[in-house]
Amino acid sequence: MQFVKLIDKVSQWTGALAAWLVIPLMVVVMIDVFMRHVLNTPTDWGYDVLWMLFSAQFLLGGAFTLLRGGHIRIDIVYGTLSDRAKRIYDIINALIVILPPAVLLTWAGIVFAADAWASGEKLSTTNWFFPAGPSKSLIPIGFFLLSLQCVAEILRNINELKKGRRQ
């Protein structure tokens, strides 16, 4: 269970980092709104920075959200299950619904990010032309963290099921 605790700590740390990203996100929004609507001179960089910060927040916060049980589930069905059935449901859900796509998106994200770094790809959403590598690197990092937390949840639930049998 030390491995599970380590993964939980990493998820808590990245979740805290994701939460703190809201501060620069708000600052950029305020600057961009002020420049656009008060000074009538929109920024060249505001839009790109906003979506990169939000993407980082979303991707880095996924594992933390799984740790806290914050992802979507059908509570009408889940709420009627016994504790043992909930653990079995969570294991099956993690093995079939969460882990396979997370692993595939980690792998695809590595290829996607590596191509961006190797080609020197630039973002063309605005005239800022920021390098695409840093933001695209967050894709495999975020999905890898989600995959790790998914494995931790599976191990935790299996361990709890075993404890339940011994009692």
Foldseek 3Di string as FASTA:
>chain_A
DVLLVVLLVQLVVLLVVLVVLVVVLVVLVVVQCCCCPVVVHGDQCSVVVNVLSNLSSVLSNLLNCVVVVNDDDDCVVLVVDDPLVNLVVLLVCLVPPQQVVLVVQLVVLVVVLVVQVVVQAFDVPGPPRHRPNVSSNSRNVSSVSNNSSSVSSNVVSVVVNVVVVVD
